[in-house]
Every structure is written in structure tokens, then in C-alpha cells.
């Protein structure tokens, strides 16, 4: 009878443990799901931080490129030391924009000088009473004062700049070729 009672008590304990095991299993599964969700949220959060770290320098580069395209050659990228590759890119971009800015300033200065020289030549030619014609290698007239306009054309309204000289002086071209 003692063994029977002990077997029956063990059977009852086993049934109780089995019922509690199902509850414990549900609790462990819920804890596992909660930990997995927290790890997933942590991974997403870290992914967003990393993405922001990667996208921020690229978006700065796009903004600086837009400034450059709109004519603002003072656009520079900060070299903040976030990633070595982006620092190299920022240094190269800053060197490039500095060179472009310097070359642009130099070109503007040269253009101003050329405009001043052109105006001076035109002013001098306007004062000359003798006909003066400037020719290019292609035989086209690049410069002509008013006296040359009157000598080569009957009507004063038509500009001879850009016309081939041989069209205006067909009969004198043999002499000009010898000269």
C-alpha cells in the first residue's frame, strides 16, 4: 500500500509538474520573444544610426555640388573625421572647388583685360580715317572700322564683320594672295 500511495503521489506530482511545465514553457517563450523583439529594435536603431552616419556626408556632398552647379564656388565640405573615406572625399572636393574658384577668377580677370583691349582697339580704329580690316586665318573679316565699311560696301547698314574678304574683293584676291 505504501508503494501504491508513493506511486500515486509521484503520479500526482508528475501531473502537477507537467501542468506547471506548460506554464513555464509559455513564460520562457514570452521572455524569448520579448528579448528577440528588444534585440531586433536595437539592431534597427543601430542600423538607423549607421545609415545616418553614412548618408549625412553624402547629402552634404550633394548640397555642396548643387551650390557649385548654381555658381557658388565657395562651397566647401567639412572634414569632421567621421570616416576616413569621406574625409579623403571632402579634401579632394575642397581642393577641386578651390582650383575651380581660382581658375574662374583668373578667367574673369583675363576676360576683363581682353574686353579692355578690344574697346581700346575699337576706339583707336574709330578715330583712324584710313580703312583698317582685321582678317583671321580663315580669310574672314574679324575687325573693320567705319572707313573700311564704306570702302568695301555701298550701303552703310550692312556689317562686313564675319564675311569672307574674297566675297567683297573678288577681283583683288590674286594681288592679296601674292602679298
C-alpha atoms as a PDB file:
ATOM      1  CA  UNK A   1       0.000   0.000   0.000  1.00  0.00           C
ATOM      2  CA  UNK A   2       2.895   2.350   0.802  1.00  0.00           C
ATOM      3  CA  UNK A   3       4.345   1.806  -2.641  1.00  0.00           C
ATOM      4  CA  UNK A   4       0.970   2.352  -4.209  1.00  0.00           C
ATOM      5  CA  UNK A   5       0.494   5.580  -2.272  1.00  0.00           C
ATOM      6  CA  UNK A   6       4.038   6.677  -3.163  1.00  0.00           C
ATOM      7  CA  UNK A   7       3.426   5.851  -6.843  1.00  0.00           C
ATOM      8  CA  UNK A   8       0.138   7.717  -6.734  1.00  0.00           C
ATOM      9  CA  UNK A   9       1.811  10.737  -5.062  1.00  0.00           C
ATOM     10  CA  UNK A  10       4.597  10.619  -7.652  1.00  0.00           C
ATOM     11  CA  UNK A  11       1.986  10.462 -10.407  1.00  0.00           C
ATOM     12  CA  UNK A  12       0.159  13.476  -8.937  1.00  0.00           C
ATOM     13  CA  UNK A  13       3.452  15.365  -8.570  1.00  0.00           C
ATOM     14  CA  UNK A  14       4.280  14.487 -12.160  1.00  0.00           C
ATOM     15  CA  UNK A  15       0.875  15.783 -13.359  1.00  0.00           C
ATOM     16  CA  UNK A  16       1.348  18.988 -11.366  1.00  0.00           C
ATOM     17  CA  UNK A  17       4.872  19.413 -12.743  1.00  0.00           C
ATOM     18  CA  UNK A  18       3.615  18.787 -16.229  1.00  0.00           C
ATOM     19  CA  UNK A  19       0.894  21.467 -15.868  1.00  0.00           C
ATOM     20  CA  UNK A  20       3.420  23.874 -14.383  1.00  0.00           C
ATOM     21  CA  UNK A  21       5.890  22.960 -17.142  1.00  0.00           C
ATOM     22  CA  UNK A  22       3.393  24.110 -19.803  1.00  0.00           C
ATOM     23  CA  UNK A  23       3.000  27.425 -17.941  1.00  0.00           C
ATOM     24  CA  UNK A  24       6.772  27.686 -17.550  1.00  0.00           C
ATOM     25  CA  UNK A  25       7.236  26.895 -21.235  1.00  0.00           C
ATOM     26  CA  UNK A  26       4.803  29.689 -22.197  1.00  0.00           C
ATOM     27  CA  UNK A  27       6.645  32.076 -19.862  1.00  0.00           C
ATOM     28  CA  UNK A  28      10.025  31.142 -21.354  1.00  0.00           C
ATOM     29  CA  UNK A  29       8.654  31.585 -24.885  1.00  0.00           C
ATOM     30  CA  UNK A  30       7.243  35.021 -23.980  1.00  0.00           C
ATOM     31  CA  UNK A  31      10.575  36.041 -22.429  1.00  0.00           C
ATOM     32  CA  UNK A  32      12.385  34.771 -25.543  1.00  0.00           C
ATOM     33  CA  UNK A  33      10.021  36.724 -27.832  1.00  0.00           C
ATOM     34  CA  UNK A  34      10.457  39.876 -25.693  1.00  0.00           C
ATOM     35  CA  UNK A  35      14.261  39.558 -25.761  1.00  0.00           C
ATOM     36  CA  UNK A  36      14.185  38.884 -29.525  1.00  0.00           C
ATOM     37  CA  UNK A  37      11.987  41.963 -30.104  1.00  0.00           C
ATOM     38  CA  UNK A  38      14.323  44.093 -27.978  1.00  0.00           C
ATOM     39  CA  UNK A  39      17.334  42.817 -29.930  1.00  0.00           C
ATOM     40  CA  UNK A  40      15.511  43.476 -33.190  1.00  0.00           C
ATOM     41  CA  UNK A  41      14.661  47.042 -32.113  1.00  0.00           C
ATOM     42  CA  UNK A  42      18.269  47.547 -31.011  1.00  0.00           C
ATOM     43  CA  UNK A  43      19.515  46.280 -34.383  1.00  0.00           C
ATOM     44  CA  UNK A  44      17.110  48.586 -36.248  1.00  0.00           C
ATOM     45  CA  UNK A  45      18.155  51.535 -34.074  1.00  0.00           C
ATOM     46  CA  UNK A  46      21.853  50.838 -34.632  1.00  0.00           C
ATOM     47  CA  UNK A  47      21.165  50.389 -38.363  1.00  0.00           C
ATOM     48  CA  UNK A  48      19.454  53.783 -38.494  1.00  0.00           C
ATOM     49  CA  UNK A  49      22.361  55.422 -36.671  1.00  0.00           C
ATOM     50  CA  UNK A  50      24.860  53.821 -39.054  1.00  0.00           C
ATOM     51  CA  UNK A  51      22.754  54.786 -42.071  1.00  0.00           C
ATOM     52  CA  UNK A  52      22.600  58.386 -40.838  1.00  0.00           C
ATOM     53  CA  UNK A  53      26.382  58.350 -40.373  1.00  0.00           C
ATOM     54  CA  UNK A  54      26.777  57.203 -43.991  1.00  0.00           C
ATOM     55  CA  UNK A  55      24.065  59.339 -45.575  1.00  0.00           C
ATOM     56  CA  UNK A  56      24.896  62.621 -43.835  1.00  0.00           C
ATOM     57  CA  UNK A  57      28.270  63.164 -45.580  1.00  0.00           C
ATOM     58  CA  UNK A  58      26.783  62.133 -48.911  1.00  0.00           C
ATOM     59  CA  UNK A  59      23.881  64.565 -48.506  1.00  0.00           C
ATOM     60  CA  UNK A  60      26.394  67.320 -47.626  1.00  0.00           C
ATOM     61  CA  UNK A  61      28.284  66.447 -50.813  1.00  0.00           C
ATOM     62  CA  UNK A  62      25.058  66.666 -52.849  1.00  0.00           C
ATOM     63  CA  UNK A  63      24.237  70.072 -51.306  1.00  0.00           C
ATOM     64  CA  UNK A  64      27.750  71.368 -51.987  1.00  0.00           C
ATOM     65  CA  UNK A  65      27.570  70.077 -55.565  1.00  0.00           C
ATOM     66  CA  UNK A  66      24.245  71.889 -56.037  1.00  0.00           C
ATOM     67  CA  UNK A  67      25.853  75.089 -54.742  1.00  0.00           C
ATOM     68  CA  UNK A  68      28.726  74.575 -57.149  1.00  0.00           C
ATOM     69  CA  UNK A  69      26.340  73.990 -60.036  1.00  0.00           C
ATOM     70  CA  UNK A  70      24.459  77.202 -59.203  1.00  0.00           C
ATOM     71  CA  UNK A  71      27.704  79.193 -59.415  1.00  0.00           C
ATOM     72  CA  UNK A  72      28.715  79.393 -55.743  1.00  0.00           C
ATOM     73  CA  UNK A  73      32.347  78.292 -55.918  1.00  0.00           C
ATOM     74  CA  UNK A  74      32.914  78.936 -52.217  1.00  0.00           C
ATOM     75  CA  UNK A  75      31.146  75.681 -51.288  1.00  0.00           C
ATOM     76  CA  UNK A  76      33.301  73.507 -49.066  1.00  0.00           C
ATOM     77  CA  UNK A  77      32.766  70.221 -47.239  1.00  0.00           C
ATOM     78  CA  UNK A  78      33.649  69.902 -43.554  1.00  0.00           C
ATOM     79  CA  UNK A  79      36.356  67.392 -42.757  1.00  0.00           C
ATOM     80  CA  UNK A  80      34.861  66.137 -39.499  1.00  0.00           C
ATOM     81  CA  UNK A  81      36.734  62.837 -39.254  1.00  0.00           C
ATOM     82  CA  UNK A  82      33.676  60.578 -39.211  1.00  0.00           C
ATOM     83  CA  UNK A  83      35.026  58.107 -41.766  1.00  0.00           C
ATOM     84  CA  UNK A  84      38.424  58.157 -43.434  1.00  0.00           C
ATOM     85  CA  UNK A  85      36.989  57.683 -46.929  1.00  0.00           C
ATOM     86  CA  UNK A  86      34.611  60.620 -46.517  1.00  0.00           C
ATOM     87  CA  UNK A  87      37.481  62.766 -45.242  1.00  0.00           C
ATOM     88  CA  UNK A  88      39.514  61.948 -48.364  1.00  0.00           C
ATOM     89  CA  UNK A  89      36.471  62.732 -50.498  1.00  0.00           C
ATOM     90  CA  UNK A  90      35.920  66.036 -48.674  1.00  0.00           C
ATOM     91  CA  UNK A  91      39.586  67.004 -49.071  1.00  0.00           C
ATOM     92  CA  UNK A  92      39.524  66.193 -52.794  1.00  0.00           C
ATOM     93  CA  UNK A  93      36.248  68.102 -53.261  1.00  0.00           C
ATOM     94  CA  UNK A  94      37.575  71.128 -51.379  1.00  0.00           C
ATOM     95  CA  UNK A  95      40.785  71.145 -53.450  1.00  0.00           C
ATOM     96  CA  UNK A  96      38.760  70.849 -56.648  1.00  0.00           C
ATOM     97  CA  UNK A  97      36.418  73.722 -55.737  1.00  0.00           C
ATOM     98  CA  UNK A  98      39.356  75.902 -54.673  1.00  0.00           C
ATOM     99  CA  UNK A  99      41.055  75.266 -58.028  1.00  0.00           C
ATOM    100  CA  UNK A 100      37.846  75.953 -59.932  1.00  0.00           C
ATOM    101  CA  UNK A 101      37.306  79.155 -57.954  1.00  0.00           C
ATOM    102  CA  UNK A 102      40.878  80.323 -58.643  1.00  0.00           C
ATOM    103  CA  UNK A 103      40.655  79.441 -62.344  1.00  0.00           C
ATOM    104  CA  UNK A 104      37.302  81.187 -62.645  1.00  0.00           C
ATOM    105  CA  UNK A 105      38.683  84.336 -61.029  1.00  0.00           C
ATOM    106  CA  UNK A 106      41.673  84.183 -63.361  1.00  0.00           C
ATOM    107  CA  UNK A 107      39.418  83.744 -66.410  1.00  0.00           C
ATOM    108  CA  UNK A 108      37.250  86.676 -65.352  1.00  0.00           C
ATOM    109  CA  UNK A 109      40.358  88.834 -64.977  1.00  0.00           C
ATOM    110  CA  UNK A 110      41.653  87.777 -68.400  1.00  0.00           C
ATOM    111  CA  UNK A 111      38.219  88.402 -69.957  1.00  0.00           C
ATOM    112  CA  UNK A 112      38.140  91.890 -68.434  1.00  0.00           C
ATOM    113  CA  UNK A 113      41.605  92.581 -69.851  1.00  0.00           C
ATOM    114  CA  UNK A 114      40.550  91.297 -73.283  1.00  0.00           C
ATOM    115  CA  UNK A 115      37.417  93.456 -73.205  1.00  0.00           C
ATOM    116  CA  UNK A 116      39.506  96.496 -72.251  1.00  0.00           C
ATOM    117  CA  UNK A 117      41.935  95.792 -75.102  1.00  0.00           C
ATOM    118  CA  UNK A 118      39.110  95.241 -77.560  1.00  0.00           C
ATOM    119  CA  UNK A 119      37.468  98.525 -76.542  1.00  0.00           C
ATOM    120  CA  UNK A 120      40.802 100.313 -76.862  1.00  0.00           C
ATOM    121  CA  UNK A 121      41.388  98.879 -80.349  1.00  0.00           C
ATOM    122  CA  UNK A 122      37.857  99.756 -81.420  1.00  0.00           C
ATOM    123  CA  UNK A 123      38.272 103.290 -80.088  1.00  0.00           C
ATOM    124  CA  UNK A 124      41.575 103.709 -81.919  1.00  0.00           C
ATOM    125  CA  UNK A 125      40.114 102.268 -85.126  1.00  0.00           C
ATOM    126  CA  UNK A 126      37.097 104.586 -84.970  1.00  0.00           C
ATOM    127  CA  UNK A 127      39.456 107.547 -84.952  1.00  0.00           C
ATOM    128  CA  UNK A 128      41.507 106.323 -87.917  1.00  0.00           C
ATOM    129  CA  UNK A 129      40.343 107.777 -91.224  1.00  0.00           C
ATOM    130  CA  UNK A 130      42.092 105.082 -93.276  1.00  0.00           C
ATOM    131  CA  UNK A 131      40.241 101.834 -93.824  1.00  0.00           C
ATOM    132  CA  UNK A 132      41.527  99.094 -91.480  1.00  0.00           C
ATOM    133  CA  UNK A 133      40.448  95.451 -91.787  1.00  0.00           C
ATOM    134  CA  UNK A 134      41.468  92.622 -89.470  1.00  0.00           C
ATOM    135  CA  UNK A 135      41.468  89.155 -91.046  1.00  0.00           C
ATOM    136  CA  UNK A 136      41.544  85.727 -89.472  1.00  0.00           C
ATOM    137  CA  UNK A 137      43.392  82.701 -90.824  1.00  0.00           C
ATOM    138  CA  UNK A 138      40.193  81.570 -92.485  1.00  0.00           C
ATOM    139  CA  UNK A 139      40.044  84.739 -94.609  1.00  0.00           C
ATOM    140  CA  UNK A 140      37.039  86.170 -92.780  1.00  0.00           C
ATOM    141  CA  UNK A 141      36.886  89.729 -91.551  1.00  0.00           C
ATOM    142  CA  UNK A 142      37.106  89.913 -87.761  1.00  0.00           C
ATOM    143  CA  UNK A 143      37.506  93.647 -87.366  1.00  0.00           C
ATOM    144  CA  UNK A 144      36.701  96.620 -89.595  1.00  0.00           C
ATOM    145  CA  UNK A 145      36.468 100.337 -88.909  1.00  0.00           C
ATOM    146  CA  UNK A 146      33.916 102.682 -90.471  1.00  0.00           C
ATOM    147  CA  UNK A 147      36.248 103.772 -93.267  1.00  0.00           C
ATOM    148  CA  UNK A 148      36.736 100.130 -94.303  1.00  0.00           C
ATOM    149  CA  UNK A 149      32.964  99.595 -94.102  1.00  0.00           C
ATOM    150  CA  UNK A 150      32.424 102.499 -96.504  1.00  0.00           C
ATOM    151  CA  UNK A 151      35.170 101.348 -98.894  1.00  0.00           C
ATOM    152  CA  UNK A 152      34.022  97.740 -99.126  1.00  0.00           C
ATOM    153  CA  UNK A 153      30.225  98.219 -99.078  1.00  0.00           C
ATOM    154  CA  UNK A 154      27.934 100.737-100.692  1.00  0.00           C
ATOM    155  CA  UNK A 155      25.195 100.546 -98.053  1.00  0.00           C
ATOM    156  CA  UNK A 156      26.270 101.510 -94.539  1.00  0.00           C
ATOM    157  CA  UNK A 157      23.592  99.406 -92.844  1.00  0.00           C
ATOM    158  CA  UNK A 158      25.260  96.053 -93.526  1.00  0.00           C
ATOM    159  CA  UNK A 159      28.144  94.981 -91.274  1.00  0.00           C
ATOM    160  CA  UNK A 160      31.061  93.308 -93.046  1.00  0.00           C
ATOM    161  CA  UNK A 161      32.456  91.593 -89.921  1.00  0.00           C
ATOM    162  CA  UNK A 162      32.222  87.836 -90.377  1.00  0.00           C
ATOM    163  CA  UNK A 163      32.106  87.939 -94.170  1.00  0.00           C
ATOM    164  CA  UNK A 164      34.886  86.384 -96.254  1.00  0.00           C
ATOM    165  CA  UNK A 165      37.136  89.028 -97.767  1.00  0.00           C
ATOM    166  CA  UNK A 166      37.141  87.234-101.137  1.00  0.00           C
ATOM    167  CA  UNK A 167      33.384  87.889-101.447  1.00  0.00           C
ATOM    168  CA  UNK A 168      33.976  91.629-101.061  1.00  0.00           C
ATOM    169  CA  UNK A 169      37.179  91.892-103.142  1.00  0.00           C
ATOM    170  CA  UNK A 170      36.968  89.033-105.632  1.00  0.00           C
ATOM    171  CA  UNK A 171      38.937  90.915-108.289  1.00  0.00           C
ATOM    172  CA  UNK A 172      41.783  91.842-105.895  1.00  0.00           C
ATOM    173  CA  UNK A 173      42.266  88.382-104.388  1.00  0.00           C
ATOM    174  CA  UNK A 174      45.134  87.474-106.736  1.00  0.00           C
ATOM    175  CA  UNK A 175      47.053  90.552-105.566  1.00  0.00           C
ATOM    176  CA  UNK A 176      46.292  89.770-101.917  1.00  0.00           C
ATOM    177  CA  UNK A 177      47.467  86.175-102.365  1.00  0.00           C
ATOM    178  CA  UNK A 178      50.798  87.440-103.700  1.00  0.00           C
ATOM    179  CA  UNK A 179      51.079  89.880-100.793  1.00  0.00           C
END
